[in-house]
Structure formats: structure tokens, C-alpha cells
N, C-alpha and C. Protein backbone atom coordinates (compact mmCIF):
# COMPACT_ATOMS: atom_id res chain seq x y z
N MET A 1 -15.10 -37.95 -6.03
CA MET A 1 -15.34 -36.54 -6.20
C MET A 1 -15.20 -36.19 -7.69
N PRO A 2 -16.11 -35.41 -8.25
CA PRO A 2 -16.00 -35.02 -9.65
C PRO A 2 -14.74 -34.18 -9.90
N GLU A 3 -14.31 -34.15 -11.16
CA GLU A 3 -13.12 -33.37 -11.50
C GLU A 3 -13.35 -31.88 -11.25
N ASP A 4 -12.23 -31.14 -11.11
CA ASP A 4 -12.33 -29.70 -10.95
C ASP A 4 -12.99 -29.09 -12.19
N PRO A 5 -13.85 -28.08 -12.01
CA PRO A 5 -14.44 -27.42 -13.16
C PRO A 5 -13.37 -26.79 -14.06
N VAL A 6 -12.33 -26.19 -13.47
CA VAL A 6 -11.24 -25.59 -14.23
C VAL A 6 -9.92 -26.03 -13.58
N THR A 7 -9.01 -26.48 -14.40
CA THR A 7 -7.73 -26.97 -13.90
C THR A 7 -6.67 -25.88 -14.06
N GLY A 8 -6.38 -25.18 -12.96
CA GLY A 8 -5.41 -24.09 -12.99
C GLY A 8 -4.02 -24.53 -13.40
N THR A 9 -3.59 -25.70 -12.93
CA THR A 9 -2.25 -26.17 -13.27
C THR A 9 -2.09 -26.41 -14.77
N ALA A 10 -3.15 -26.83 -15.44
CA ALA A 10 -3.08 -27.00 -16.89
C ALA A 10 -2.96 -25.65 -17.59
N HIS A 11 -3.66 -24.65 -17.09
CA HIS A 11 -3.63 -23.33 -17.72
C HIS A 11 -2.29 -22.63 -17.53
N VAL A 12 -1.55 -23.00 -16.49
CA VAL A 12 -0.20 -22.43 -16.31
C VAL A 12 0.67 -22.80 -17.51
N GLN A 13 0.44 -23.94 -18.11
CA GLN A 13 1.19 -24.36 -19.29
C GLN A 13 0.55 -23.83 -20.58
N LEU A 14 -0.77 -23.81 -20.63
CA LEU A 14 -1.48 -23.40 -21.84
C LEU A 14 -1.39 -21.91 -22.13
N VAL A 15 -1.43 -21.08 -21.10
CA VAL A 15 -1.44 -19.63 -21.31
C VAL A 15 -0.17 -19.14 -22.01
N PRO A 16 1.05 -19.49 -21.56
CA PRO A 16 2.23 -19.04 -22.30
C PRO A 16 2.26 -19.56 -23.75
N PHE A 17 1.83 -20.80 -23.94
CA PHE A 17 1.80 -21.39 -25.27
C PHE A 17 0.93 -20.56 -26.22
N TRP A 18 -0.33 -20.30 -25.81
CA TRP A 18 -1.26 -19.58 -26.67
C TRP A 18 -0.99 -18.08 -26.70
N ALA A 19 -0.55 -17.51 -25.59
CA ALA A 19 -0.25 -16.08 -25.57
C ALA A 19 0.87 -15.75 -26.56
N ALA A 20 1.90 -16.58 -26.62
CA ALA A 20 3.00 -16.36 -27.56
C ALA A 20 2.51 -16.49 -29.00
N ARG A 21 1.72 -17.49 -29.28
CA ARG A 21 1.26 -17.70 -30.64
C ARG A 21 0.25 -16.65 -31.10
N LEU A 22 -0.56 -16.17 -30.17
CA LEU A 22 -1.56 -15.15 -30.51
C LEU A 22 -1.03 -13.73 -30.33
N GLN A 23 0.21 -13.62 -29.83
CA GLN A 23 0.86 -12.34 -29.56
C GLN A 23 -0.01 -11.45 -28.67
N ARG A 24 -0.46 -12.07 -27.56
CA ARG A 24 -1.29 -11.38 -26.58
C ARG A 24 -0.76 -11.68 -25.19
N LYS A 25 -0.92 -10.75 -24.27
CA LYS A 25 -0.55 -10.97 -22.87
C LYS A 25 -1.73 -11.43 -22.03
N THR A 26 -2.94 -11.11 -22.46
CA THR A 26 -4.13 -11.49 -21.69
C THR A 26 -5.02 -12.40 -22.53
N LEU A 27 -5.61 -13.38 -21.86
CA LEU A 27 -6.49 -14.34 -22.51
C LEU A 27 -7.68 -14.62 -21.61
N VAL A 28 -8.82 -14.88 -22.21
CA VAL A 28 -9.97 -15.43 -21.49
C VAL A 28 -10.04 -16.89 -21.90
N CYS A 29 -9.89 -17.78 -20.92
CA CYS A 29 -9.81 -19.21 -21.18
C CYS A 29 -11.07 -19.91 -20.71
N ARG A 30 -11.60 -20.77 -21.52
CA ARG A 30 -12.79 -21.55 -21.18
C ARG A 30 -12.42 -23.02 -21.20
N GLN A 31 -12.57 -23.69 -20.07
CA GLN A 31 -12.34 -25.13 -20.03
C GLN A 31 -13.62 -25.82 -20.47
N ALA A 32 -13.53 -26.53 -21.58
CA ALA A 32 -14.70 -27.15 -22.19
C ALA A 32 -14.86 -28.58 -21.70
N SER A 33 -15.13 -28.73 -20.41
CA SER A 33 -15.42 -30.03 -19.82
C SER A 33 -16.88 -30.00 -19.38
N PRO A 34 -17.45 -31.13 -19.01
CA PRO A 34 -18.86 -31.13 -18.61
C PRO A 34 -19.20 -30.10 -17.52
N ARG A 35 -18.31 -29.91 -16.55
CA ARG A 35 -18.57 -28.93 -15.50
C ARG A 35 -18.06 -27.55 -15.88
N GLY A 36 -17.12 -27.48 -16.81
CA GLY A 36 -16.61 -26.24 -17.39
C GLY A 36 -16.33 -25.09 -16.45
N GLY A 37 -15.71 -24.06 -16.98
CA GLY A 37 -15.42 -22.86 -16.22
C GLY A 37 -14.60 -21.90 -17.05
N THR A 38 -14.50 -20.67 -16.56
CA THR A 38 -13.79 -19.61 -17.26
C THR A 38 -12.71 -19.03 -16.37
N LEU A 39 -11.54 -18.76 -16.95
CA LEU A 39 -10.44 -18.10 -16.27
C LEU A 39 -10.04 -16.86 -17.07
N TRP A 40 -9.74 -15.80 -16.38
CA TRP A 40 -9.16 -14.61 -16.98
C TRP A 40 -7.68 -14.65 -16.65
N CYS A 41 -6.82 -14.72 -17.67
CA CYS A 41 -5.40 -14.99 -17.47
C CYS A 41 -4.54 -13.89 -18.06
N GLU A 42 -3.39 -13.68 -17.42
CA GLU A 42 -2.40 -12.72 -17.92
C GLU A 42 -1.03 -13.37 -17.85
N TRP A 43 -0.32 -13.36 -18.96
CA TRP A 43 1.02 -13.93 -19.03
C TRP A 43 2.01 -12.85 -18.64
N ARG A 44 2.78 -13.10 -17.60
CA ARG A 44 3.76 -12.13 -17.09
C ARG A 44 5.16 -12.71 -17.15
N GLY A 45 5.57 -13.20 -18.31
CA GLY A 45 6.92 -13.74 -18.48
C GLY A 45 7.09 -15.07 -17.78
N ASP A 46 7.60 -15.05 -16.56
CA ASP A 46 7.81 -16.30 -15.83
C ASP A 46 6.64 -16.65 -14.90
N ARG A 47 5.56 -15.90 -15.01
CA ARG A 47 4.38 -16.13 -14.18
C ARG A 47 3.10 -16.04 -15.02
N VAL A 48 2.07 -16.72 -14.55
CA VAL A 48 0.73 -16.60 -15.14
C VAL A 48 -0.21 -16.16 -14.03
N ARG A 49 -0.87 -15.05 -14.24
CA ARG A 49 -1.84 -14.55 -13.26
C ARG A 49 -3.21 -15.01 -13.71
N MET A 50 -3.99 -15.56 -12.78
CA MET A 50 -5.32 -16.09 -13.11
C MET A 50 -6.37 -15.51 -12.17
N ALA A 51 -7.55 -15.34 -12.71
CA ALA A 51 -8.70 -14.93 -11.91
C ALA A 51 -9.92 -15.69 -12.41
N GLY A 52 -10.87 -15.89 -11.53
CA GLY A 52 -12.09 -16.59 -11.89
C GLY A 52 -12.95 -16.76 -10.66
N ASN A 53 -14.05 -17.41 -10.83
CA ASN A 53 -14.95 -17.69 -9.71
C ASN A 53 -14.48 -18.94 -8.98
N ALA A 54 -14.64 -18.93 -7.67
CA ALA A 54 -14.24 -20.07 -6.86
C ALA A 54 -15.30 -20.36 -5.82
N MET A 55 -15.26 -21.58 -5.31
CA MET A 55 -16.18 -21.98 -4.27
C MET A 55 -15.37 -22.68 -3.17
N LEU A 56 -15.58 -22.28 -1.94
CA LEU A 56 -14.91 -22.92 -0.81
C LEU A 56 -15.52 -24.30 -0.59
N TYR A 57 -14.68 -25.32 -0.58
CA TYR A 57 -15.19 -26.67 -0.35
C TYR A 57 -14.52 -27.33 0.85
N ALA A 58 -13.52 -26.68 1.42
CA ALA A 58 -12.88 -27.23 2.62
C ALA A 58 -12.27 -26.08 3.41
N LYS A 59 -12.18 -26.26 4.69
CA LYS A 59 -11.58 -25.27 5.56
C LYS A 59 -10.84 -26.01 6.66
N GLY A 60 -9.68 -25.52 7.03
CA GLY A 60 -8.92 -26.20 8.06
C GLY A 60 -8.06 -25.23 8.85
N GLU A 61 -7.48 -25.72 9.90
CA GLU A 61 -6.58 -24.94 10.73
C GLU A 61 -5.33 -25.76 11.02
N ILE A 62 -4.21 -25.08 11.11
CA ILE A 62 -2.94 -25.72 11.47
C ILE A 62 -2.46 -25.06 12.77
N HIS A 63 -2.18 -25.87 13.75
CA HIS A 63 -1.66 -25.38 15.03
C HIS A 63 -0.23 -25.89 15.19
N LEU A 64 0.69 -24.96 15.34
CA LEU A 64 2.08 -25.32 15.53
C LEU A 64 2.44 -25.17 17.01
N HIS A 65 3.04 -26.21 17.54
CA HIS A 65 3.45 -26.17 18.94
C HIS A 65 4.93 -25.85 18.99
N ARG A 66 5.26 -24.83 19.76
CA ARG A 66 6.65 -24.44 19.90
C ARG A 66 7.10 -24.77 21.32
N ASP A 67 8.12 -25.63 21.42
CA ASP A 67 8.64 -26.00 22.74
C ASP A 67 9.32 -24.79 23.37
N VAL A 68 9.00 -24.55 24.62
CA VAL A 68 9.62 -23.45 25.37
C VAL A 68 10.56 -24.07 26.38
N ALA A 69 11.82 -23.72 26.27
CA ALA A 69 12.83 -24.30 27.19
C ALA A 69 13.05 -23.44 28.39
């Protein structure tokens, strides 16, 4: 399977790094890989909020069985 167009876990580390250095809370991030992609990010102290386009590639269901005594 080809790599993800945008790696969210990498941006969780990159956003605080660049936001602090650029003295900004919001950033538009572009992943410059062959498949590429754009994220709109906001640094919220101990959290990074991200938005972008997504595509559903899998769907599943989980069924939990609860024993009744």
C-alpha cells in the first residue's frame, strides 16, 4: 500500500516546533511527498488540532458480547 498522503502523527510534533518559532498558533502545513496533502493546524498548548481532506478506505464493526448470568 502506498504511504499516507499526509502523516498526522508527524505533524503533531512539527506544529508545536514551527508554531513556537514562527510565533503563530495556526499553520497551514503542506506535506511535500509524491502524493502530498495539506493540513490546517492549530497549536493549543498540549494539543494540536488538525483539519484536512480525508478519504474512507476501510469500514468495520465491533460486536461486544456481554454474558448474562
